[in-house]
Amino acid sequence: MEGAGEEGIDRIEDSKDLQQQSKAFDKLTDRVEDRQLDSTRVQEAMASIAATSEADLEAMRKREKELATVKINPRDVEIIANELELDKLVAERTLREHKGDAVAAIRHLLH
């Protein structure tokens, strides 16, 4: 009979444990439900991201146009590419970024 009494105590302890777990789970799910996103906020955030991306793209286009107008000496491109063993496009881009100043471009590439 002693074994049957202990089994009843185990069931009571298990029942209390299950109740505590159930309450904890309910609290957890309540918080998740409270955090549901408003679709308007999501749309506003996505529009903001799109606007930022478009602004970044426009700034990049403007920068490329500015760099294209920089006059560079083709001989400087060849020298930089050959001496530093670089692709000519990299040498040209770096030279344009440094307004055609070959010394500044080389210093930049060496650092």
N, C-alpha and C. Protein backbone atom coordinates (compact mmCIF):
# COMPACT_ATOMS: atom_id res chain seq x y z
N MET A 1 0.81 -1.18 0.00
CA MET A 1 0.00 0.00 0.00
C MET A 1 0.85 1.25 0.00
N GLU A 2 2.01 1.14 0.56
CA GLU A 2 2.88 2.31 0.64
C GLU A 2 3.23 2.82 -0.75
N GLY A 3 3.40 1.92 -1.70
CA GLY A 3 3.74 2.29 -3.07
C GLY A 3 2.62 3.08 -3.72
N ALA A 4 1.36 2.74 -3.42
CA ALA A 4 0.22 3.46 -4.00
C ALA A 4 0.17 4.88 -3.50
N GLY A 5 0.53 5.13 -2.24
CA GLY A 5 0.53 6.48 -1.67
C GLY A 5 1.58 7.36 -2.30
N GLU A 6 2.74 6.78 -2.54
CA GLU A 6 3.82 7.55 -3.16
C GLU A 6 3.45 7.92 -4.59
N GLU A 7 2.75 7.04 -5.26
CA GLU A 7 2.34 7.32 -6.64
C GLU A 7 1.39 8.50 -6.67
N GLY A 8 0.51 8.62 -5.67
CA GLY A 8 -0.41 9.75 -5.59
C GLY A 8 0.34 11.06 -5.38
N ILE A 9 1.40 11.03 -4.56
CA ILE A 9 2.21 12.23 -4.32
C ILE A 9 2.92 12.64 -5.61
N ASP A 10 3.42 11.66 -6.35
CA ASP A 10 4.08 11.96 -7.63
C ASP A 10 3.10 12.61 -8.59
N ARG A 11 1.87 12.13 -8.61
CA ARG A 11 0.86 12.70 -9.51
C ARG A 11 0.53 14.13 -9.14
N ILE A 12 0.46 14.42 -7.86
CA ILE A 12 0.18 15.80 -7.41
C ILE A 12 1.32 16.72 -7.81
N GLU A 13 2.57 16.25 -7.61
CA GLU A 13 3.73 17.06 -7.97
C GLU A 13 3.77 17.26 -9.48
N ASP A 14 3.48 16.21 -10.26
CA ASP A 14 3.45 16.31 -11.71
C ASP A 14 2.37 17.29 -12.14
N SER A 15 1.21 17.23 -11.48
CA SER A 15 0.10 18.11 -11.81
C SER A 15 0.48 19.58 -11.57
N LYS A 16 1.14 19.87 -10.45
CA LYS A 16 1.58 21.23 -10.13
C LYS A 16 2.61 21.70 -11.16
N ASP A 17 3.52 20.80 -11.50
CA ASP A 17 4.55 21.13 -12.48
C ASP A 17 3.92 21.44 -13.84
N LEU A 18 2.94 20.64 -14.22
CA LEU A 18 2.26 20.87 -15.50
C LEU A 18 1.49 22.19 -15.48
N GLN A 19 0.91 22.53 -14.36
CA GLN A 19 0.19 23.80 -14.25
C GLN A 19 1.15 24.98 -14.39
N GLN A 20 2.30 24.88 -13.77
CA GLN A 20 3.30 25.94 -13.86
C GLN A 20 3.80 26.08 -15.30
N GLN A 21 4.03 24.96 -15.94
CA GLN A 21 4.48 24.99 -17.33
C GLN A 21 3.41 25.59 -18.23
N SER A 22 2.15 25.24 -17.96
CA SER A 22 1.04 25.76 -18.75
C SER A 22 0.94 27.27 -18.60
N LYS A 23 1.07 27.78 -17.36
CA LYS A 23 1.02 29.23 -17.13
C LYS A 23 2.18 29.93 -17.84
N ALA A 24 3.36 29.35 -17.75
CA ALA A 24 4.52 29.95 -18.42
C ALA A 24 4.32 29.97 -19.92
N PHE A 25 3.77 28.92 -20.48
CA PHE A 25 3.52 28.86 -21.92
C PHE A 25 2.47 29.90 -22.32
N ASP A 26 1.42 30.06 -21.51
CA ASP A 26 0.39 31.06 -21.80
C ASP A 26 0.99 32.47 -21.81
N LYS A 27 1.88 32.76 -20.87
CA LYS A 27 2.53 34.07 -20.84
C LYS A 27 3.36 34.29 -22.10
N LEU A 28 4.05 33.24 -22.51
CA LEU A 28 4.89 33.33 -23.70
C LEU A 28 4.05 33.61 -24.94
N THR A 29 2.97 32.87 -25.11
CA THR A 29 2.13 33.06 -26.30
C THR A 29 1.41 34.40 -26.26
N ASP A 30 1.05 34.90 -25.08
CA ASP A 30 0.41 36.22 -24.98
C ASP A 30 1.35 37.30 -25.49
N ARG A 31 2.60 37.20 -25.14
CA ARG A 31 3.58 38.21 -25.59
C ARG A 31 3.75 38.18 -27.09
N VAL A 32 3.75 37.00 -27.68
CA VAL A 32 3.90 36.88 -29.13
C VAL A 32 2.71 37.52 -29.82
N GLU A 33 1.50 37.29 -29.30
CA GLU A 33 0.31 37.88 -29.90
C GLU A 33 0.34 39.40 -29.79
N ASP A 34 0.88 39.94 -28.70
CA ASP A 34 0.97 41.39 -28.52
C ASP A 34 1.94 42.03 -29.50
N ARG A 35 2.85 41.26 -30.04
CA ARG A 35 3.89 41.81 -30.91
C ARG A 35 3.55 41.73 -32.39
N GLN A 36 2.34 41.37 -32.73
CA GLN A 36 1.98 41.27 -34.14
C GLN A 36 2.14 42.63 -34.80
N LEU A 37 2.71 42.61 -35.99
CA LEU A 37 3.01 43.86 -36.68
C LEU A 37 1.79 44.40 -37.40
N ASP A 38 1.71 45.70 -37.41
CA ASP A 38 0.66 46.39 -38.14
C ASP A 38 1.10 46.45 -39.60
N SER A 39 0.24 46.06 -40.52
CA SER A 39 0.62 46.01 -41.94
C SER A 39 0.99 47.39 -42.47
N THR A 40 0.40 48.44 -41.94
CA THR A 40 0.74 49.79 -42.38
C THR A 40 2.18 50.13 -42.02
N ARG A 41 2.60 49.75 -40.82
CA ARG A 41 3.98 50.00 -40.40
C ARG A 41 4.96 49.24 -41.28
N VAL A 42 4.59 48.03 -41.64
CA VAL A 42 5.46 47.22 -42.50
C VAL A 42 5.58 47.89 -43.87
N GLN A 43 4.48 48.34 -44.43
CA GLN A 43 4.50 48.99 -45.74
C GLN A 43 5.31 50.28 -45.70
N GLU A 44 5.16 51.05 -44.62
CA GLU A 44 5.94 52.29 -44.48
C GLU A 44 7.43 51.98 -44.41
N ALA A 45 7.79 50.95 -43.67
CA ALA A 45 9.20 50.57 -43.54
C ALA A 45 9.76 50.13 -44.88
N MET A 46 8.98 49.35 -45.62
CA MET A 46 9.44 48.88 -46.94
C MET A 46 9.57 50.05 -47.91
N ALA A 47 8.66 51.01 -47.85
CA ALA A 47 8.75 52.19 -48.71
C ALA A 47 9.99 53.01 -48.36
N SER A 48 10.29 53.10 -47.08
CA SER A 48 11.48 53.83 -46.63
C SER A 48 12.76 53.16 -47.14
N ILE A 49 12.78 51.85 -47.06
CA ILE A 49 13.95 51.10 -47.56
C ILE A 49 14.11 51.31 -49.06
N ALA A 50 13.01 51.25 -49.79
CA ALA A 50 13.05 51.45 -51.25
C ALA A 50 13.54 52.85 -51.58
N ALA A 51 13.07 53.86 -50.84
CA ALA A 51 13.49 55.24 -51.09
C ALA A 51 14.98 55.41 -50.80
N THR A 52 15.45 54.78 -49.74
CA THR A 52 16.87 54.86 -49.40
C THR A 52 17.71 54.19 -50.47
N SER A 53 17.26 53.05 -50.94
CA SER A 53 17.99 52.34 -51.99
C SER A 53 18.04 53.16 -53.27
N GLU A 54 16.93 53.79 -53.61
CA GLU A 54 16.88 54.63 -54.81
C GLU A 54 17.81 55.83 -54.66
N ALA A 55 17.84 56.43 -53.48
CA ALA A 55 18.74 57.56 -53.23
C ALA A 55 20.20 57.13 -53.34
N ASP A 56 20.52 55.97 -52.79
CA ASP A 56 21.88 55.45 -52.88
C ASP A 56 22.27 55.19 -54.34
N LEU A 57 21.35 54.63 -55.10
CA LEU A 57 21.60 54.35 -56.51
C LEU A 57 21.82 55.64 -57.29
N GLU A 58 21.01 56.64 -56.99
CA GLU A 58 21.15 57.94 -57.67
C GLU A 58 22.49 58.59 -57.31
N ALA A 59 22.90 58.50 -56.05
CA ALA A 59 24.19 59.05 -55.64
C ALA A 59 25.33 58.33 -56.34
N MET A 60 25.21 57.02 -56.51
CA MET A 60 26.25 56.25 -57.20
C MET A 60 26.32 56.67 -58.67
N ARG A 61 25.17 56.86 -59.31
CA ARG A 61 25.15 57.30 -60.71
C ARG A 61 25.82 58.67 -60.85
N LYS A 62 25.50 59.57 -59.92
CA LYS A 62 26.08 60.91 -59.95
C LYS A 62 27.60 60.83 -59.80
N ARG A 63 28.06 59.99 -58.88
CA ARG A 63 29.50 59.83 -58.66
C ARG A 63 30.19 59.28 -59.91
N GLU A 64 29.56 58.31 -60.56
CA GLU A 64 30.14 57.74 -61.78
C GLU A 64 30.24 58.80 -62.88
N LYS A 65 29.23 59.66 -62.99
CA LYS A 65 29.27 60.72 -63.99
C LYS A 65 30.40 61.70 -63.69
N GLU A 66 30.56 62.02 -62.41
CA GLU A 66 31.66 62.92 -62.01
C GLU A 66 33.01 62.32 -62.35
N LEU A 67 33.18 61.05 -62.06
CA LEU A 67 34.46 60.38 -62.34
C LEU A 67 34.72 60.30 -63.84
N ALA A 68 33.67 60.13 -64.62
CA ALA A 68 33.83 60.03 -66.08
C ALA A 68 34.32 61.35 -66.68
N THR A 69 34.04 62.46 -66.00
CA THR A 69 34.47 63.76 -66.54
C THR A 69 35.91 64.11 -66.17
N VAL A 70 36.52 63.37 -65.26
CA VAL A 70 37.90 63.65 -64.85
C VAL A 70 38.83 63.29 -66.01
N LYS A 71 39.65 64.25 -66.39
CA LYS A 71 40.62 64.00 -67.46
C LYS A 71 41.84 63.30 -66.87
N ILE A 72 42.21 62.19 -67.54
CA ILE A 72 43.37 61.44 -67.10
C ILE A 72 44.28 61.19 -68.30
N ASN A 73 45.53 60.97 -67.99
CA ASN A 73 46.52 60.69 -69.02
C ASN A 73 46.55 59.17 -69.22
N PRO A 74 46.25 58.68 -70.42
CA PRO A 74 46.28 57.23 -70.68
C PRO A 74 47.64 56.61 -70.37
N ARG A 75 48.69 57.40 -70.54
CA ARG A 75 50.03 56.90 -70.23
C ARG A 75 50.17 56.62 -68.74
N ASP A 76 49.55 57.49 -67.90
CA ASP A 76 49.58 57.26 -66.45
C ASP A 76 48.88 55.96 -66.09
N VAL A 77 47.78 55.68 -66.77
CA VAL A 77 47.06 54.44 -66.53
C VAL A 77 47.96 53.25 -66.84
N GLU A 78 48.64 53.30 -67.97
CA GLU A 78 49.53 52.21 -68.35
C GLU A 78 50.66 52.02 -67.36
N ILE A 79 51.26 53.12 -66.95
CA ILE A 79 52.38 53.04 -66.00
C ILE A 79 51.93 52.43 -64.68
N ILE A 80 50.82 52.95 -64.15
CA ILE A 80 50.32 52.44 -62.86
C ILE A 80 49.96 50.95 -62.98
N ALA A 81 49.27 50.60 -64.04
CA ALA A 81 48.86 49.20 -64.23
C ALA A 81 50.07 48.28 -64.36
N ASN A 82 51.06 48.70 -65.14
CA ASN A 82 52.24 47.86 -65.35
C ASN A 82 53.12 47.78 -64.11
N GLU A 83 53.40 48.91 -63.51
CA GLU A 83 54.32 48.93 -62.38
C GLU A 83 53.74 48.28 -61.13
N LEU A 84 52.44 48.43 -60.91
CA LEU A 84 51.82 47.85 -59.72
C LEU A 84 51.12 46.53 -60.01
N GLU A 85 51.26 46.08 -61.26
CA GLU A 85 50.66 44.83 -61.70
C GLU A 85 49.17 44.78 -61.38
N LEU A 86 48.48 45.79 -61.89
CA LEU A 86 47.04 45.92 -61.70
C LEU A 86 46.32 45.84 -63.03
N ASP A 87 45.04 45.56 -62.94
CA ASP A 87 44.19 45.64 -64.11
C ASP A 87 44.08 47.11 -64.52
N LYS A 88 44.04 47.37 -65.81
CA LYS A 88 43.98 48.75 -66.28
C LYS A 88 42.73 49.47 -65.79
N LEU A 89 41.63 48.75 -65.63
CA LEU A 89 40.39 49.37 -65.14
C LEU A 89 40.56 49.85 -63.70
N VAL A 90 41.26 49.08 -62.89
CA VAL A 90 41.51 49.47 -61.50
C VAL A 90 42.42 50.69 -61.48
N ALA A 91 43.45 50.67 -62.29
CA ALA A 91 44.37 51.81 -62.36
C ALA A 91 43.64 53.06 -62.82
N GLU A 92 42.81 52.92 -63.85
CA GLU A 92 42.07 54.08 -64.37
C GLU A 92 41.10 54.62 -63.32
N ARG A 93 40.36 53.74 -62.66
CA ARG A 93 39.38 54.15 -61.65
C ARG A 93 40.08 54.90 -60.51
N THR A 94 41.19 54.35 -60.04
CA THR A 94 41.93 54.98 -58.94
C THR A 94 42.47 56.34 -59.37
N LEU A 95 42.95 56.42 -60.58
CA LEU A 95 43.45 57.69 -61.10
C LEU A 95 42.33 58.72 -61.20
N ARG A 96 41.17 58.30 -61.65
CA ARG A 96 40.01 59.21 -61.72
C ARG A 96 39.58 59.66 -60.33
N GLU A 97 39.58 58.73 -59.38
CA GLU A 97 39.19 59.07 -58.00
C GLU A 97 40.14 60.09 -57.38
N HIS A 98 41.36 60.14 -57.89
CA HIS A 98 42.36 61.09 -57.38
C HIS A 98 42.57 62.25 -58.35
N LYS A 99 41.52 62.52 -59.14
CA LYS A 99 41.48 63.68 -60.05
C LYS A 99 42.66 63.73 -61.01
N GLY A 100 43.13 62.57 -61.45
CA GLY A 100 44.19 62.50 -62.42
C GLY A 100 45.59 62.63 -61.83
N ASP A 101 45.69 62.75 -60.52
CA ASP A 101 46.98 62.89 -59.85
C ASP A 101 47.60 61.49 -59.69
N ALA A 102 48.58 61.20 -60.54
CA ALA A 102 49.18 59.87 -60.56
C ALA A 102 49.90 59.55 -59.25
N VAL A 103 50.57 60.53 -58.68
CA VAL A 103 51.32 60.29 -57.42
C VAL A 103 50.34 59.94 -56.30
N ALA A 104 49.24 60.68 -56.18
CA ALA A 104 48.25 60.42 -55.16
C ALA A 104 47.60 59.06 -55.37
N ALA A 105 47.33 58.71 -56.62
CA ALA A 105 46.73 57.41 -56.93
C ALA A 105 47.68 56.27 -56.54
N ILE A 106 48.95 56.42 -56.85
CA ILE A 106 49.93 55.39 -56.51
C ILE A 106 50.06 55.25 -55.00
N ARG A 107 50.11 56.38 -54.30
CA ARG A 107 50.20 56.34 -52.83
C ARG A 107 48.99 55.59 -52.25
N HIS A 108 47.82 55.90 -52.78
CA HIS A 108 46.60 55.23 -52.32
C HIS A 108 46.68 53.73 -52.55
N LEU A 109 47.13 53.34 -53.69
CA LEU A 109 47.21 51.92 -54.04
C LEU A 109 48.27 51.18 -53.22
N LEU A 110 49.29 51.87 -52.80
CA LEU A 110 50.35 51.24 -52.01
C LEU A 110 49.99 51.09 -50.54
N HIS A 111 49.00 51.82 -50.08
CA HIS A 111 48.60 51.70 -48.67
C HIS A 111 47.58 50.68 -48.57
